[in-house]
Amino acid sequence: MEAIVVGRYEAGDSELTITDLGGKAACQGDRAEGTYRYELGGNKLNLTKVDDPCQKRSAILDGTTFQASGSGG
């Protein structure tokens, strides 16, 4: 089974940088890196695009809220 996207991320105080490294849906070249502002609250993570030239990735991540599942403890 081939990975859809393989990448790495770096998180700062309130920004997350995502870099695609490979995979069948990875953004390449000057579109490989995108930056998002993140907010953590309770068990939720909200992402807002700061700069991302990859339309595929930004369509999925911009404005998305992720919620933790399970009891968390």
N, C-alpha and C. Protein backbone atom coordinates (compact mmCIF):
# COMPACT_ATOMS: atom_id res chain seq x y z
N MET A 1 0.84 -1.18 0.00
CA MET A 1 0.00 0.00 0.00
C MET A 1 0.88 1.24 0.00
N GLU A 2 0.67 2.12 -0.95
CA GLU A 2 1.48 3.33 -1.09
C GLU A 2 0.87 4.46 -0.26
N ALA A 3 1.74 5.23 0.40
CA ALA A 3 1.28 6.38 1.20
C ALA A 3 0.71 7.45 0.27
N ILE A 4 -0.34 8.11 0.73
CA ILE A 4 -0.92 9.21 -0.04
C ILE A 4 0.02 10.41 0.01
N VAL A 5 0.46 10.77 1.22
CA VAL A 5 1.44 11.84 1.40
C VAL A 5 2.34 11.47 2.56
N VAL A 6 3.63 11.64 2.37
CA VAL A 6 4.62 11.50 3.43
C VAL A 6 5.21 12.88 3.62
N GLY A 7 5.32 13.32 4.86
CA GLY A 7 5.85 14.66 5.08
C GLY A 7 6.38 14.84 6.48
N ARG A 8 6.73 16.07 6.78
CA ARG A 8 7.19 16.43 8.12
C ARG A 8 6.53 17.74 8.50
N TYR A 9 6.52 18.00 9.79
CA TYR A 9 5.95 19.26 10.26
C TYR A 9 6.83 19.84 11.35
N GLU A 10 6.76 21.15 11.47
CA GLU A 10 7.44 21.87 12.53
C GLU A 10 6.43 22.81 13.15
N ALA A 11 6.30 22.75 14.47
CA ALA A 11 5.35 23.61 15.17
C ALA A 11 6.08 24.65 15.99
N GLY A 12 5.66 25.91 15.85
CA GLY A 12 6.19 27.01 16.64
C GLY A 12 5.13 27.43 17.65
N ASP A 13 5.22 28.67 18.12
CA ASP A 13 4.28 29.16 19.13
C ASP A 13 2.84 29.08 18.66
N SER A 14 2.56 29.50 17.45
CA SER A 14 1.18 29.45 16.96
C SER A 14 1.10 29.10 15.48
N GLU A 15 2.23 28.69 14.91
CA GLU A 15 2.25 28.33 13.49
C GLU A 15 2.81 26.93 13.28
N LEU A 16 2.26 26.29 12.27
CA LEU A 16 2.63 24.93 11.89
C LEU A 16 3.09 24.96 10.44
N THR A 17 4.30 24.47 10.17
CA THR A 17 4.81 24.38 8.80
C THR A 17 4.80 22.91 8.40
N ILE A 18 4.15 22.63 7.28
CA ILE A 18 4.02 21.27 6.76
C ILE A 18 4.79 21.18 5.45
N THR A 19 5.64 20.18 5.32
CA THR A 19 6.42 19.97 4.11
C THR A 19 6.16 18.57 3.58
N ASP A 20 5.63 18.49 2.36
CA ASP A 20 5.42 17.19 1.71
C ASP A 20 6.76 16.68 1.19
N LEU A 21 7.04 15.40 1.47
CA LEU A 21 8.30 14.79 1.04
C LEU A 21 8.10 13.76 -0.06
N GLY A 22 6.91 13.20 -0.16
CA GLY A 22 6.65 12.19 -1.18
C GLY A 22 5.26 11.62 -1.04
N GLY A 23 4.93 10.67 -1.91
CA GLY A 23 3.61 10.05 -1.91
C GLY A 23 2.83 10.46 -3.15
N LYS A 24 1.82 9.66 -3.49
CA LYS A 24 1.11 9.88 -4.75
C LYS A 24 0.33 11.20 -4.81
N ALA A 25 -0.04 11.80 -3.68
CA ALA A 25 -0.77 13.07 -3.71
C ALA A 25 0.04 14.24 -3.15
N ALA A 26 1.35 14.04 -2.98
CA ALA A 26 2.19 15.08 -2.39
C ALA A 26 2.35 16.27 -3.33
N CYS A 27 2.42 17.44 -2.72
CA CYS A 27 2.75 18.65 -3.49
C CYS A 27 4.27 18.71 -3.60
N GLN A 28 4.75 19.16 -4.75
CA GLN A 28 6.18 19.10 -5.01
C GLN A 28 6.73 20.48 -5.37
N GLY A 29 8.05 20.56 -5.35
CA GLY A 29 8.74 21.79 -5.74
C GLY A 29 8.39 22.95 -4.83
N ASP A 30 8.09 24.10 -5.43
CA ASP A 30 7.79 25.29 -4.63
C ASP A 30 6.42 25.23 -3.97
N ARG A 31 5.67 24.16 -4.19
CA ARG A 31 4.38 23.98 -3.53
C ARG A 31 4.45 22.97 -2.39
N ALA A 32 5.63 22.46 -2.08
CA ALA A 32 5.78 21.40 -1.08
C ALA A 32 5.54 21.89 0.35
N GLU A 33 5.73 23.18 0.62
CA GLU A 33 5.66 23.68 1.99
C GLU A 33 4.49 24.64 2.17
N GLY A 34 3.76 24.46 3.26
CA GLY A 34 2.65 25.34 3.61
C GLY A 34 2.70 25.69 5.08
N THR A 35 2.19 26.88 5.42
CA THR A 35 2.19 27.35 6.80
C THR A 35 0.76 27.65 7.24
N TYR A 36 0.44 27.19 8.44
CA TYR A 36 -0.89 27.35 9.01
C TYR A 36 -0.79 27.89 10.43
N ARG A 37 -1.74 28.74 10.81
CA ARG A 37 -1.86 29.16 12.20
C ARG A 37 -2.69 28.07 12.89
N TYR A 38 -2.31 27.73 14.10
CA TYR A 38 -3.10 26.73 14.82
C TYR A 38 -3.53 27.26 16.18
N GLU A 39 -4.67 26.79 16.62
CA GLU A 39 -5.20 27.10 17.94
C GLU A 39 -5.62 25.80 18.60
N LEU A 40 -5.14 25.60 19.82
CA LEU A 40 -5.52 24.43 20.59
C LEU A 40 -6.48 24.87 21.68
N GLY A 41 -7.57 24.16 21.83
CA GLY A 41 -8.53 24.46 22.88
C GLY A 41 -9.24 23.19 23.29
N GLY A 42 -9.10 22.82 24.56
CA GLY A 42 -9.71 21.58 25.02
C GLY A 42 -9.15 20.42 24.23
N ASN A 43 -10.01 19.70 23.55
CA ASN A 43 -9.57 18.56 22.76
C ASN A 43 -9.68 18.84 21.26
N LYS A 44 -9.60 20.14 20.89
CA LYS A 44 -9.73 20.52 19.48
C LYS A 44 -8.50 21.26 18.99
N LEU A 45 -8.20 21.04 17.71
CA LEU A 45 -7.12 21.72 17.00
C LEU A 45 -7.72 22.39 15.78
N ASN A 46 -7.60 23.72 15.68
CA ASN A 46 -8.11 24.47 14.54
C ASN A 46 -6.95 24.97 13.69
N LEU A 47 -7.05 24.80 12.37
CA LEU A 47 -6.02 25.26 11.44
C LEU A 47 -6.57 26.34 10.52
N THR A 48 -5.78 27.38 10.30
CA THR A 48 -6.12 28.46 9.37
C THR A 48 -4.90 28.74 8.51
N LYS A 49 -5.08 28.76 7.20
CA LYS A 49 -3.97 28.96 6.27
C LYS A 49 -3.36 30.34 6.44
N VAL A 50 -2.03 30.37 6.53
CA VAL A 50 -1.25 31.60 6.49
C VAL A 50 -0.72 31.76 5.07
N ASP A 51 -0.06 30.70 4.57
CA ASP A 51 0.48 30.70 3.21
C ASP A 51 0.66 29.25 2.77
N ASP A 52 -0.03 28.87 1.72
CA ASP A 52 0.13 27.52 1.20
C ASP A 52 -0.18 27.51 -0.29
N PRO A 53 0.85 27.37 -1.13
CA PRO A 53 0.64 27.36 -2.58
C PRO A 53 0.05 26.04 -3.10
N CYS A 54 -0.08 25.05 -2.22
CA CYS A 54 -0.64 23.75 -2.64
C CYS A 54 -2.15 23.77 -2.44
N GLN A 55 -2.89 23.86 -3.52
CA GLN A 55 -4.35 23.94 -3.44
C GLN A 55 -4.96 22.68 -2.87
N LYS A 56 -4.40 21.51 -3.19
CA LYS A 56 -4.94 20.25 -2.66
C LYS A 56 -4.88 20.24 -1.14
N ARG A 57 -3.74 20.59 -0.59
CA ARG A 57 -3.55 20.55 0.86
C ARG A 57 -4.38 21.63 1.55
N SER A 58 -4.36 22.85 1.01
CA SER A 58 -5.10 23.93 1.66
C SER A 58 -6.61 23.71 1.60
N ALA A 59 -7.10 23.04 0.56
CA ALA A 59 -8.53 22.73 0.48
C ALA A 59 -8.94 21.79 1.61
N ILE A 60 -8.04 20.94 2.04
CA ILE A 60 -8.33 20.00 3.12
C ILE A 60 -8.11 20.63 4.49
N LEU A 61 -7.03 21.38 4.67
CA LEU A 61 -6.64 21.85 6.00
C LEU A 61 -7.18 23.21 6.41
N ASP A 62 -7.33 24.14 5.48
CA ASP A 62 -7.73 25.50 5.84
C ASP A 62 -9.13 25.52 6.44
N GLY A 63 -9.24 26.01 7.66
CA GLY A 63 -10.52 26.10 8.34
C GLY A 63 -10.98 24.80 8.98
N THR A 64 -10.12 23.81 9.03
CA THR A 64 -10.49 22.50 9.57
C THR A 64 -10.29 22.46 11.08
N THR A 65 -11.21 21.81 11.76
CA THR A 65 -11.10 21.54 13.18
C THR A 65 -10.98 20.04 13.38
N PHE A 66 -9.91 19.65 14.06
CA PHE A 66 -9.71 18.24 14.41
C PHE A 66 -10.09 18.07 15.88
N GLN A 67 -10.76 16.99 16.18
CA GLN A 67 -11.15 16.73 17.56
C GLN A 67 -10.60 15.38 17.99
N ALA A 68 -10.00 15.36 19.19
CA ALA A 68 -9.46 14.13 19.72
C ALA A 68 -10.59 13.15 20.02
N SER A 69 -10.30 11.89 19.83
CA SER A 69 -11.29 10.86 20.16
C SER A 69 -10.82 10.10 21.39
N GLY A 70 -11.72 9.42 22.04
CA GLY A 70 -11.37 8.65 23.22
C GLY A 70 -11.35 9.52 24.47
N SER A 71 -10.92 8.93 25.54
CA SER A 71 -10.95 9.63 26.84
C SER A 71 -9.74 10.51 27.06
N GLY A 72 -8.64 10.27 26.32
CA GLY A 72 -7.44 11.09 26.45
C GLY A 72 -6.70 10.90 27.75
N GLY A 73 -6.98 9.89 28.49
CA GLY A 73 -6.24 9.73 29.72
C GLY A 73 -6.39 8.40 30.25
